[in-house]
Amino acid sequence: MSIEPSPLPPTNQQSTVSLSFGILTLLTVCMGMVPIPFTGFVCFPAGILSALIALISGVMSLSQIRRHGERGRGLAWTGIIIGGLTLIASLCVLLVIAGLFFWHLKLLPIQLPGNYQI
């Protein structure tokens, strides 16, 4: 008499999407730092977008996993962590760049017509 093992529950597809976009986020943000002209203009927004997708799909998959008893909790958490940390780092870089830009504008004297200066 042989005892057959019970089949494993399926892996949640949303958690796989979360992990995939988390890895894509890392790749796009790292490619944005490569000194190739205009890669930052393309890669940083794409990294922020893929980080948001990784976060949203990871949170959605955790609720689906809880409801349906599927596997993939580790995949979802990995996508959430990678996407969240990369999103926070990208937003900090954008804030620093914007701050430096406006600080530099503040230091420049602006000439107005009629010899007025701001």
C-alpha atoms as a PDB file:
ATOM      1  CA  MET A   1       0.000   0.000   0.000  1.00  0.00           C
ATOM      2  CA  SER A   2       1.554   3.264  -1.150  1.00  0.00           C
ATOM      3  CA  ILE A   3       0.688   6.632   0.207  1.00  0.00           C
ATOM      4  CA  GLU A   4       0.665   9.368  -2.380  1.00  0.00           C
ATOM      5  CA  PRO A   5       1.840  12.769  -1.236  1.00  0.00           C
ATOM      6  CA  SER A   6      -0.706  15.531  -1.439  1.00  0.00           C
ATOM      7  CA  PRO A   7      -0.109  17.920  -4.303  1.00  0.00           C
ATOM      8  CA  LEU A   8       1.464  21.249  -3.476  1.00  0.00           C
ATOM      9  CA  PRO A   9      -0.732  24.301  -3.814  1.00  0.00           C
ATOM     10  CA  PRO A  10       0.057  26.425  -6.851  1.00  0.00           C
ATOM     11  CA  THR A  11       2.378  29.423  -6.664  1.00  0.00           C
ATOM     12  CA  ASN A  12       0.584  32.730  -6.884  1.00  0.00           C
ATOM     13  CA  GLN A  13       1.284  34.360 -10.248  1.00  0.00           C
ATOM     14  CA  GLN A  14       1.012  37.860  -8.811  1.00  0.00           C
ATOM     15  CA  SER A  15       3.931  37.130  -6.477  1.00  0.00           C
ATOM     16  CA  THR A  16       6.027  36.064  -9.458  1.00  0.00           C
ATOM     17  CA  VAL A  17       5.119  39.337 -11.183  1.00  0.00           C
ATOM     18  CA  SER A  18       6.127  41.238  -8.037  1.00  0.00           C
ATOM     19  CA  LEU A  19       9.532  39.562  -7.903  1.00  0.00           C
ATOM     20  CA  SER A  20      10.087  40.027 -11.645  1.00  0.00           C
ATOM     21  CA  PHE A  21       9.326  43.744 -11.474  1.00  0.00           C
ATOM     22  CA  GLY A  22      11.488  44.057  -8.357  1.00  0.00           C
ATOM     23  CA  ILE A  23      14.448  42.644 -10.271  1.00  0.00           C
ATOM     24  CA  LEU A  24      13.591  44.843 -13.268  1.00  0.00           C
ATOM     25  CA  THR A  25      13.546  47.834 -10.911  1.00  0.00           C
ATOM     26  CA  LEU A  26      17.077  47.105  -9.737  1.00  0.00           C
ATOM     27  CA  LEU A  27      18.305  46.691 -13.295  1.00  0.00           C
ATOM     28  CA  THR A  28      16.735  49.901 -14.578  1.00  0.00           C
ATOM     29  CA  VAL A  29      17.896  52.034 -11.658  1.00  0.00           C
ATOM     30  CA  CYS A  30      21.427  50.633 -11.907  1.00  0.00           C
ATOM     31  CA  MET A  31      21.433  51.243 -15.663  1.00  0.00           C
ATOM     32  CA  GLY A  32      20.457  54.845 -14.946  1.00  0.00           C
ATOM     33  CA  MET A  33      23.766  55.302 -13.139  1.00  0.00           C
ATOM     34  CA  VAL A  34      25.834  54.118 -16.094  1.00  0.00           C
ATOM     35  CA  PRO A  35      27.655  57.068 -17.697  1.00  0.00           C
ATOM     36  CA  ILE A  36      25.919  56.717 -21.046  1.00  0.00           C
ATOM     37  CA  PRO A  37      24.156  59.868 -22.258  1.00  0.00           C
ATOM     38  CA  PHE A  38      20.414  60.078 -21.546  1.00  0.00           C
ATOM     39  CA  THR A  39      20.113  56.699 -19.793  1.00  0.00           C
ATOM     40  CA  GLY A  40      19.141  58.445 -16.577  1.00  0.00           C
ATOM     41  CA  PHE A  41      16.234  60.193 -18.268  1.00  0.00           C
ATOM     42  CA  VAL A  42      14.834  56.839 -19.362  1.00  0.00           C
ATOM     43  CA  CYS A  43      15.934  54.459 -16.614  1.00  0.00           C
ATOM     44  CA  PHE A  44      15.008  56.415 -13.477  1.00  0.00           C
ATOM     45  CA  PRO A  45      11.335  56.954 -14.458  1.00  0.00           C
ATOM     46  CA  ALA A  46      11.139  53.346 -15.652  1.00  0.00           C
ATOM     47  CA  GLY A  47      12.655  52.223 -12.343  1.00  0.00           C
ATOM     48  CA  ILE A  48      10.122  54.214 -10.336  1.00  0.00           C
ATOM     49  CA  LEU A  49       7.258  52.821 -12.405  1.00  0.00           C
ATOM     50  CA  SER A  50       8.459  49.221 -12.082  1.00  0.00           C
ATOM     51  CA  ALA A  51       9.001  49.727  -8.321  1.00  0.00           C
ATOM     52  CA  LEU A  52       5.388  50.841  -7.970  1.00  0.00           C
ATOM     53  CA  ILE A  53       4.224  47.813  -9.947  1.00  0.00           C
ATOM     54  CA  ALA A  54       6.360  45.509  -7.751  1.00  0.00           C
ATOM     55  CA  LEU A  55       4.909  47.043  -4.582  1.00  0.00           C
ATOM     56  CA  ILE A  56       1.282  46.945  -5.719  1.00  0.00           C
ATOM     57  CA  SER A  57       1.426  43.430  -7.142  1.00  0.00           C
ATOM     58  CA  GLY A  58       3.275  42.189  -4.050  1.00  0.00           C
ATOM     59  CA  VAL A  59       0.646  43.534  -1.663  1.00  0.00           C
ATOM     60  CA  MET A  60      -2.163  42.175  -3.843  1.00  0.00           C
ATOM     61  CA  SER A  61      -0.519  38.757  -4.010  1.00  0.00           C
ATOM     62  CA  LEU A  62      -0.127  38.575  -0.226  1.00  0.00           C
ATOM     63  CA  SER A  63      -3.862  39.039   0.202  1.00  0.00           C
ATOM     64  CA  GLN A  64      -4.580  36.441  -2.502  1.00  0.00           C
ATOM     65  CA  ILE A  65      -2.143  33.985  -0.910  1.00  0.00           C
ATOM     66  CA  ARG A  66      -3.844  34.437   2.462  1.00  0.00           C
ATOM     67  CA  ARG A  67      -7.310  33.927   0.964  1.00  0.00           C
ATOM     68  CA  HIS A  68      -6.575  30.952  -1.302  1.00  0.00           C
ATOM     69  CA  GLY A  69      -3.745  29.206   0.565  1.00  0.00           C
ATOM     70  CA  GLU A  70      -1.301  29.471  -2.334  1.00  0.00           C
ATOM     71  CA  ARG A  71       2.478  29.489  -2.229  1.00  0.00           C
ATOM     72  CA  GLY A  72       4.698  32.452  -3.083  1.00  0.00           C
ATOM     73  CA  ARG A  73       4.771  34.486   0.101  1.00  0.00           C
ATOM     74  CA  GLY A  74       8.586  34.803  -0.080  1.00  0.00           C
ATOM     75  CA  LEU A  75       8.444  35.909  -3.707  1.00  0.00           C
ATOM     76  CA  ALA A  76       5.884  38.578  -2.848  1.00  0.00           C
ATOM     77  CA  TRP A  77       7.856  39.889   0.133  1.00  0.00           C
ATOM     78  CA  THR A  78      11.059  39.986  -1.906  1.00  0.00           C
ATOM     79  CA  GLY A  79       9.327  42.022  -4.617  1.00  0.00           C
ATOM     80  CA  ILE A  80       7.835  44.364  -2.004  1.00  0.00           C
ATOM     81  CA  ILE A  81      11.180  44.911  -0.256  1.00  0.00           C
ATOM     82  CA  ILE A  82      13.191  45.440  -3.446  1.00  0.00           C
ATOM     83  CA  GLY A  83      10.529  47.690  -4.953  1.00  0.00           C
ATOM     84  CA  GLY A  84      10.048  49.681  -1.753  1.00  0.00           C
ATOM     85  CA  LEU A  85      13.728  50.270  -1.059  1.00  0.00           C
ATOM     86  CA  THR A  86      14.443  51.180  -4.655  1.00  0.00           C
ATOM     87  CA  LEU A  87      11.451  53.530  -4.739  1.00  0.00           C
ATOM     88  CA  ILE A  88      12.602  55.270  -1.560  1.00  0.00           C
ATOM     89  CA  ALA A  89      16.177  55.571  -2.879  1.00  0.00           C
ATOM     90  CA  SER A  90      14.995  56.915  -6.245  1.00  0.00           C
ATOM     91  CA  LEU A  91      12.737  59.486  -4.621  1.00  0.00           C
ATOM     92  CA  CYS A  92      15.587  60.605  -2.338  1.00  0.00           C
ATOM     93  CA  VAL A  93      17.856  61.052  -5.368  1.00  0.00           C
ATOM     94  CA  LEU A  94      15.157  63.075  -7.128  1.00  0.00           C
ATOM     95  CA  LEU A  95      14.687  65.267  -4.050  1.00  0.00           C
ATOM     96  CA  VAL A  96      18.433  65.903  -3.791  1.00  0.00           C
ATOM     97  CA  ILE A  97      18.662  66.782  -7.491  1.00  0.00           C
ATOM     98  CA  ALA A  98      15.658  69.099  -7.257  1.00  0.00           C
ATOM     99  CA  GLY A  99      17.063  70.694  -4.101  1.00  0.00           C
ATOM    100  CA  LEU A 100      20.425  71.318  -5.731  1.00  0.00           C
ATOM    101  CA  PHE A 101      18.722  72.755  -8.795  1.00  0.00           C
ATOM    102  CA  PHE A 102      16.629  75.219  -6.819  1.00  0.00           C
ATOM    103  CA  TRP A 103      19.534  76.065  -4.496  1.00  0.00           C
ATOM    104  CA  HIS A 104      21.650  76.867  -7.536  1.00  0.00           C
ATOM    105  CA  LEU A 105      18.885  79.079  -8.952  1.00  0.00           C
ATOM    106  CA  LYS A 106      18.739  80.941  -5.662  1.00  0.00           C
ATOM    107  CA  LEU A 107      22.464  81.713  -5.846  1.00  0.00           C
ATOM    108  CA  LEU A 108      22.324  83.092  -9.388  1.00  0.00           C
ATOM    109  CA  PRO A 109      21.551  86.772  -9.713  1.00  0.00           C
ATOM    110  CA  ILE A 110      18.582  87.316 -12.006  1.00  0.00           C
ATOM    111  CA  GLN A 111      18.707  90.498 -14.103  1.00  0.00           C
ATOM    112  CA  LEU A 112      15.389  92.147 -14.823  1.00  0.00           C
ATOM    113  CA  PRO A 113      14.852  94.964 -17.331  1.00  0.00           C
ATOM    114  CA  GLY A 114      15.501  98.400 -15.862  1.00  0.00           C
ATOM    115  CA  ASN A 115      18.598  97.392 -13.783  1.00  0.00           C
ATOM    116  CA  TYR A 116      16.532  95.571 -11.164  1.00  0.00           C
ATOM    117  CA  GLN A 117      18.020  92.491  -9.595  1.00  0.00           C
ATOM    118  CA  ILE A 118      16.377  89.689  -7.675  1.00  0.00           C
END
